[in-house]
Amino acid sequence: MIKGLVNRIIPFSSVDGPGNRTAIFLEGCNFNCSYCHNPETINICNSCGECVSACHYSALEFKASDVVWDKTACTRCDECIKICKGDSSPKAERMTACEVVGEIEKNKSFISGITVSGGECTLQIEFLIQLFTEVKKLGLTCFVDTNGSVPLWEHKELVDVTDMAMVDIKSYNNEEHKGLTGMENTTVLKNAKYLAELNKIYEIRTVIVPEILDNYNNVDNISKFIASLNPNIRYKLIKYRQVGVRRGKINSYTPNDEIMKKLSCIAEQNGCKNVVIV
């Protein structure tokens, strides 16, 4: 059975889709967003060992040439993540779909489904297919939280076992998108159109980052795009926050409520019927 590289599992989440859900974060991302709020999920640990000496609880050690994490000794102080220069985590675990399902089953009675995020979860498609296939047997829904960079129309088996997608459209302008993430947005927009045609988009999201992105132009164009697909798709406008970001990568601030309200009004005027600010 294929193993997925899992950064962490949050048993209960009310912000990763509808209802109470288990959120599973996978390790590894093909974007390098300057405002990334989970930078420790971008790269896979290369066992450089700098984190070993930073751990005050002997939860990390070298075995052969690999850094190995002892979760029973770990206090989750995250000093290892703070010291890591590689945007990674030594605490990511390779788990089979059955092992992840075992964690989900502990709280099955209290959740409506799971949401798999990252990193970028669709970089581990075969694992997702196995996981979702097993989770469906529990009567739970399966969502993906994706940056939209992987052409999902080429992976029908995954789409078939996915109930809904939460898609980030970080910038409508292709050059701005490349500057922000390192990749173009052509596939992102095509994925949004493809999933909307299947009625499999739960929400589309844009992070509002002052002085870094052309926020008004983005919301104007993205909301028109959403309205053309399905005006009832939820459009979530997310305030940039400094918590967890790499300070050397970005110099911005949290937009105020007045700015967010103006952007929300633009989206509503363009035909979006379900605009949410967080």
Protein backbone atom coordinates (compact mmCIF):
# COMPACT_ATOMS: atom_id res chain seq x y z
CA MET A 1 0.00 0.00 0.00
CA ILE A 2 1.24 3.49 -0.89
CA LYS A 3 2.37 5.69 1.97
CA GLY A 4 1.61 9.39 2.12
CA LEU A 5 3.91 11.89 3.78
CA VAL A 6 1.76 13.41 6.53
CA ASN A 7 2.78 16.63 8.27
CA ARG A 8 0.04 16.51 10.91
CA ILE A 9 -3.54 15.48 11.59
CA ILE A 10 -5.94 17.84 13.35
CA PRO A 11 -8.81 15.74 14.77
CA PHE A 12 -11.38 18.56 14.83
CA SER A 13 -11.52 21.61 12.56
CA SER A 14 -14.38 24.00 11.87
CA VAL A 15 -12.49 26.06 9.27
CA ASP A 16 -11.59 23.38 6.71
CA GLY A 17 -14.95 22.86 5.10
CA PRO A 18 -18.51 22.46 6.36
CA GLY A 19 -19.25 21.02 9.79
CA ASN A 20 -16.70 19.49 12.10
CA ARG A 21 -13.94 17.81 10.11
CA THR A 22 -10.64 16.04 10.55
CA ALA A 23 -7.96 18.01 8.69
CA ILE A 24 -4.96 16.13 7.31
CA PHE A 25 -1.96 18.16 6.19
CA LEU A 26 0.43 16.50 3.76
CA GLU A 27 4.08 17.46 3.38
CA GLY A 28 5.45 18.95 0.16
CA CYS A 29 4.34 21.83 -2.06
CA ASN A 30 5.22 22.98 -5.57
CA PHE A 31 4.39 26.62 -4.76
CA ASN A 32 6.64 28.88 -2.72
CA CYS A 33 4.19 31.62 -1.75
CA SER A 34 5.89 34.58 -0.12
CA TYR A 35 3.05 34.83 2.43
CA CYS A 36 2.82 31.08 3.14
CA HIS A 37 1.34 30.48 6.60
CA ASN A 38 2.55 26.85 6.73
CA PRO A 39 6.11 27.15 5.36
CA GLU A 40 7.19 24.01 7.22
CA THR A 41 5.05 22.01 4.76
CA ILE A 42 6.79 23.23 1.59
CA ASN A 43 9.82 20.92 1.39
CA ILE A 44 10.67 17.40 2.51
CA CYS A 45 13.23 17.11 5.31
CA ASN A 46 16.74 16.44 3.97
CA SER A 47 18.05 15.24 7.36
CA CYS A 48 20.64 18.01 7.61
CA GLY A 49 20.48 17.58 11.39
CA GLU A 50 20.37 21.21 12.53
CA CYS A 51 17.10 20.53 14.35
CA VAL A 52 18.56 17.66 16.41
CA SER A 53 20.64 19.92 18.63
CA ALA A 54 17.76 22.42 18.90
CA CYS A 55 15.45 19.83 20.47
CA HIS A 56 15.53 20.16 24.28
CA TYR A 57 13.59 16.94 24.85
CA SER A 58 15.67 14.38 22.87
CA ALA A 59 12.74 13.80 20.53
CA LEU A 60 15.03 13.98 17.48
CA GLU A 61 18.10 11.88 16.79
CA PHE A 62 20.21 10.59 13.94
CA LYS A 63 19.73 6.98 12.94
CA ALA A 64 22.16 6.12 10.19
CA SER A 65 21.95 9.26 8.03
CA ASP A 66 18.31 10.11 8.78
CA VAL A 67 16.77 12.38 11.39
CA VAL A 68 14.19 10.32 13.29
CA TRP A 69 11.38 11.79 15.39
CA ASP A 70 10.20 10.19 18.64
CA LYS A 71 6.64 11.46 19.04
CA THR A 72 6.36 10.09 22.57
CA ALA A 73 9.16 12.40 23.73
CA CYS A 74 8.00 15.41 21.74
CA THR A 75 6.30 18.33 23.52
CA ARG A 76 5.46 20.03 20.18
CA CYS A 77 7.35 23.18 21.13
CA ASP A 78 8.24 23.48 17.41
CA GLU A 79 11.81 24.64 18.07
CA CYS A 80 12.88 22.23 15.31
CA ILE A 81 10.62 24.01 12.83
CA LYS A 82 11.77 27.45 13.93
CA ILE A 83 15.42 26.58 13.33
CA CYS A 84 14.88 24.80 10.01
CA LYS A 85 16.25 26.78 7.06
CA GLY A 86 14.72 24.43 4.52
CA ASP A 87 11.00 25.16 5.01
CA SER A 88 10.42 21.63 6.24
CA SER A 89 9.59 19.55 9.29
CA PRO A 90 11.41 16.55 10.76
CA LYS A 91 8.09 15.41 12.22
CA ALA A 92 6.41 14.42 8.95
CA GLU A 93 5.47 10.73 8.95
CA ARG A 94 4.99 8.23 6.15
CA MET A 95 1.60 6.63 6.75
CA THR A 96 -0.59 4.23 4.81
CA ALA A 97 -4.21 5.10 4.09
CA CYS A 98 -5.25 2.49 6.65
CA GLU A 99 -3.06 4.08 9.31
CA VAL A 100 -4.61 7.49 8.66
CA VAL A 101 -8.09 5.95 8.70
CA GLY A 102 -7.23 4.49 12.11
CA GLU A 103 -6.71 8.04 13.38
CA ILE A 104 -9.93 9.24 11.75
CA GLU A 105 -11.95 6.41 13.28
CA LYS A 106 -11.09 7.62 16.79
CA ASN A 107 -13.37 10.60 16.23
CA LYS A 108 -15.69 9.27 13.53
CA SER A 109 -18.83 9.89 15.58
CA PHE A 110 -18.05 13.58 15.96
CA ILE A 111 -17.11 14.59 12.41
CA SER A 112 -18.90 14.93 9.08
CA GLY A 113 -15.86 14.27 6.94
CA ILE A 114 -12.19 14.90 6.25
CA THR A 115 -10.30 17.61 4.42
CA VAL A 116 -6.82 16.93 3.07
CA SER A 117 -4.59 19.95 2.75
CA GLY A 118 -0.89 20.69 2.76
CA GLY A 119 1.54 21.62 1.41
CA GLU A 120 -0.19 20.61 -1.79
CA CYS A 121 -2.11 17.38 -1.29
CA THR A 122 -2.67 16.63 -4.98
CA LEU A 123 1.05 15.98 -5.41
CA GLN A 124 0.28 12.65 -3.66
CA ILE A 125 -2.62 11.58 -5.85
CA GLU A 126 -2.33 7.80 -5.52
CA PHE A 127 -2.30 8.10 -1.75
CA LEU A 128 -5.35 10.39 -1.84
CA ILE A 129 -7.27 7.90 -3.97
CA GLN A 130 -6.55 5.08 -1.51
CA LEU A 131 -7.36 7.26 1.50
CA PHE A 132 -10.63 8.62 0.11
CA THR A 133 -11.73 5.16 -1.01
CA GLU A 134 -11.32 3.88 2.54
CA VAL A 135 -12.86 6.96 4.18
CA LYS A 136 -15.96 6.64 1.99
CA LYS A 137 -16.57 3.26 3.63
CA LEU A 138 -17.00 5.14 6.93
CA GLY A 139 -19.80 7.27 5.46
CA LEU A 140 -17.73 10.46 5.61
CA THR A 141 -17.21 13.14 2.96
CA CYS A 142 -13.81 13.82 1.42
CA PHE A 143 -12.60 17.33 0.53
CA VAL A 144 -9.32 18.50 -0.98
CA ASP A 145 -7.79 21.86 -0.18
CA THR A 146 -5.67 22.64 -3.24
CA ASN A 147 -3.65 25.33 -4.96
CA GLY A 148 -5.03 24.00 -8.25
CA SER A 149 -1.64 23.42 -9.85
CA VAL A 150 -2.12 19.74 -10.76
CA PRO A 151 -4.36 19.16 -13.83
CA LEU A 152 -7.19 17.28 -12.15
CA TRP A 153 -8.97 16.58 -15.45
CA GLU A 154 -6.17 14.06 -16.03
CA HIS A 155 -6.95 12.27 -12.75
CA LYS A 156 -10.58 11.24 -12.98
CA GLU A 157 -10.17 8.48 -10.39
CA LEU A 158 -9.31 11.06 -7.74
CA VAL A 159 -12.05 13.46 -8.79
CA ASP A 160 -14.61 10.66 -8.66
CA VAL A 161 -13.87 9.92 -4.98
CA THR A 162 -13.63 13.60 -4.03
CA ASP A 163 -16.83 15.25 -2.82
CA MET A 164 -15.69 18.86 -2.98
CA ALA A 165 -12.60 21.00 -3.55
CA MET A 166 -11.49 24.18 -1.84
CA VAL A 167 -9.43 26.04 -4.43
CA ASP A 168 -7.00 28.91 -3.93
CA ILE A 169 -6.82 31.52 -6.66
CA LYS A 170 -3.95 33.57 -5.35
CA SER A 171 -3.78 36.06 -8.23
CA TYR A 172 -5.72 36.45 -11.45
CA ASN A 173 -2.77 38.14 -13.15
CA ASN A 174 -0.44 35.46 -14.47
CA GLU A 175 2.78 37.44 -14.00
CA GLU A 176 1.82 38.44 -10.48
CA HIS A 177 0.94 34.81 -9.74
CA LYS A 178 4.37 33.68 -10.97
CA GLY A 179 6.09 36.29 -8.84
CA LEU A 180 4.13 35.23 -5.78
CA THR A 181 4.25 31.43 -6.13
CA GLY A 182 6.91 30.61 -8.71
CA MET A 183 4.32 29.10 -11.09
CA GLU A 184 1.73 30.27 -13.61
CA ASN A 185 -2.01 30.28 -12.86
CA THR A 186 -3.21 28.78 -16.17
CA THR A 187 -3.82 25.32 -14.70
CA VAL A 188 -5.38 26.84 -11.56
CA LEU A 189 -8.07 28.64 -13.55
CA LYS A 190 -8.65 25.63 -15.79
CA ASN A 191 -9.09 23.41 -12.72
CA ALA A 192 -11.62 25.83 -11.24
CA LYS A 193 -13.63 25.76 -14.46
CA TYR A 194 -13.43 21.95 -14.68
CA LEU A 195 -14.48 21.37 -11.07
CA ALA A 196 -17.28 23.95 -11.29
CA GLU A 197 -18.73 22.11 -14.28
CA LEU A 198 -18.86 19.00 -12.07
CA ASN A 199 -20.37 21.00 -9.18
CA LYS A 200 -17.40 20.03 -7.02
CA ILE A 201 -16.19 23.40 -5.74
CA TYR A 202 -17.06 24.17 -2.13
CA GLU A 203 -15.25 27.49 -2.13
CA ILE A 204 -12.67 29.61 -3.93
CA ARG A 205 -10.31 31.66 -1.78
CA THR A 206 -8.09 34.69 -2.18
CA VAL A 207 -5.68 36.03 0.44
CA ILE A 208 -5.67 39.83 0.62
CA VAL A 209 -2.06 40.99 1.00
CA PRO A 210 -1.56 44.79 1.09
CA GLU A 211 1.35 46.27 -0.89
CA ILE A 212 2.27 42.87 -2.30
CA LEU A 213 -0.70 42.03 -4.54
CA ASP A 214 -3.06 44.14 -6.65
CA ASN A 215 -5.94 43.15 -4.38
CA TYR A 216 -8.69 45.24 -6.00
CA ASN A 217 -7.86 44.02 -9.50
CA ASN A 218 -7.66 40.43 -8.26
CA VAL A 219 -10.99 40.45 -6.46
CA ASP A 220 -12.64 42.22 -9.38
CA ASN A 221 -11.46 39.65 -11.93
CA ILE A 222 -11.71 36.55 -9.74
CA SER A 223 -15.26 37.39 -8.63
CA LYS A 224 -16.32 37.91 -12.27
CA PHE A 225 -14.73 34.55 -13.07
CA ILE A 226 -16.59 32.84 -10.22
CA ALA A 227 -19.91 34.43 -11.20
CA SER A 228 -19.42 33.15 -14.74
CA LEU A 229 -18.91 29.61 -13.41
CA ASN A 230 -21.60 29.56 -10.73
CA PRO A 231 -22.57 32.65 -8.70
CA ASN A 232 -23.45 30.44 -5.73
CA ILE A 233 -19.86 29.22 -5.25
CA ARG A 234 -18.61 30.59 -1.97
CA TYR A 235 -15.90 33.22 -2.39
CA LYS A 236 -13.76 33.54 0.74
CA LEU A 237 -11.66 36.68 1.17
CA ILE A 238 -8.92 35.99 3.70
CA LYS A 239 -7.04 38.70 5.59
CA TYR A 240 -3.28 38.28 5.43
CA ARG A 241 -1.94 37.74 8.94
CA GLN A 242 1.66 37.78 10.09
CA VAL A 243 1.35 34.65 12.24
CA GLY A 244 3.56 31.80 11.02
CA VAL A 245 4.95 33.54 7.93
CA ARG A 246 8.61 33.84 6.98
CA ARG A 247 9.46 37.40 7.97
CA GLY A 248 12.36 37.68 5.53
CA LYS A 249 10.08 36.79 2.61
CA ILE A 250 7.40 39.44 2.95
CA ASN A 251 6.76 42.91 4.30
CA SER A 252 3.02 43.45 4.59
CA TYR A 253 0.30 43.93 7.19
CA THR A 254 -3.22 42.79 7.99
CA PRO A 255 -5.80 44.73 5.94
CA ASN A 256 -8.43 46.59 7.94
CA ASP A 257 -12.15 45.86 7.92
CA GLU A 258 -12.90 48.82 5.66
CA ILE A 259 -10.68 47.45 2.89
CA MET A 260 -12.17 43.97 3.25
CA LYS A 261 -15.71 45.36 3.08
CA LYS A 262 -14.91 47.28 -0.11
CA LEU A 263 -13.50 44.14 -1.69
CA SER A 264 -16.55 42.16 -0.60
CA CYS A 265 -18.84 44.75 -2.20
CA ILE A 266 -16.90 44.50 -5.47
CA ALA A 267 -17.38 40.72 -5.50
CA GLU A 268 -21.09 41.04 -4.74
CA GLN A 269 -21.56 43.69 -7.44
CA ASN A 270 -19.91 41.32 -9.89
CA GLY A 271 -22.50 38.65 -9.16
CA CYS A 272 -21.07 36.51 -6.36
CA LYS A 273 -23.91 35.58 -4.04
CA ASN A 274 -21.91 34.05 -1.21
CA VAL A 275 -18.95 36.20 -0.16
CA VAL A 276 -17.25 35.50 3.18
CA ILE A 277 -14.58 37.54 4.98
CA VAL A 278 -12.22 35.88 7.44
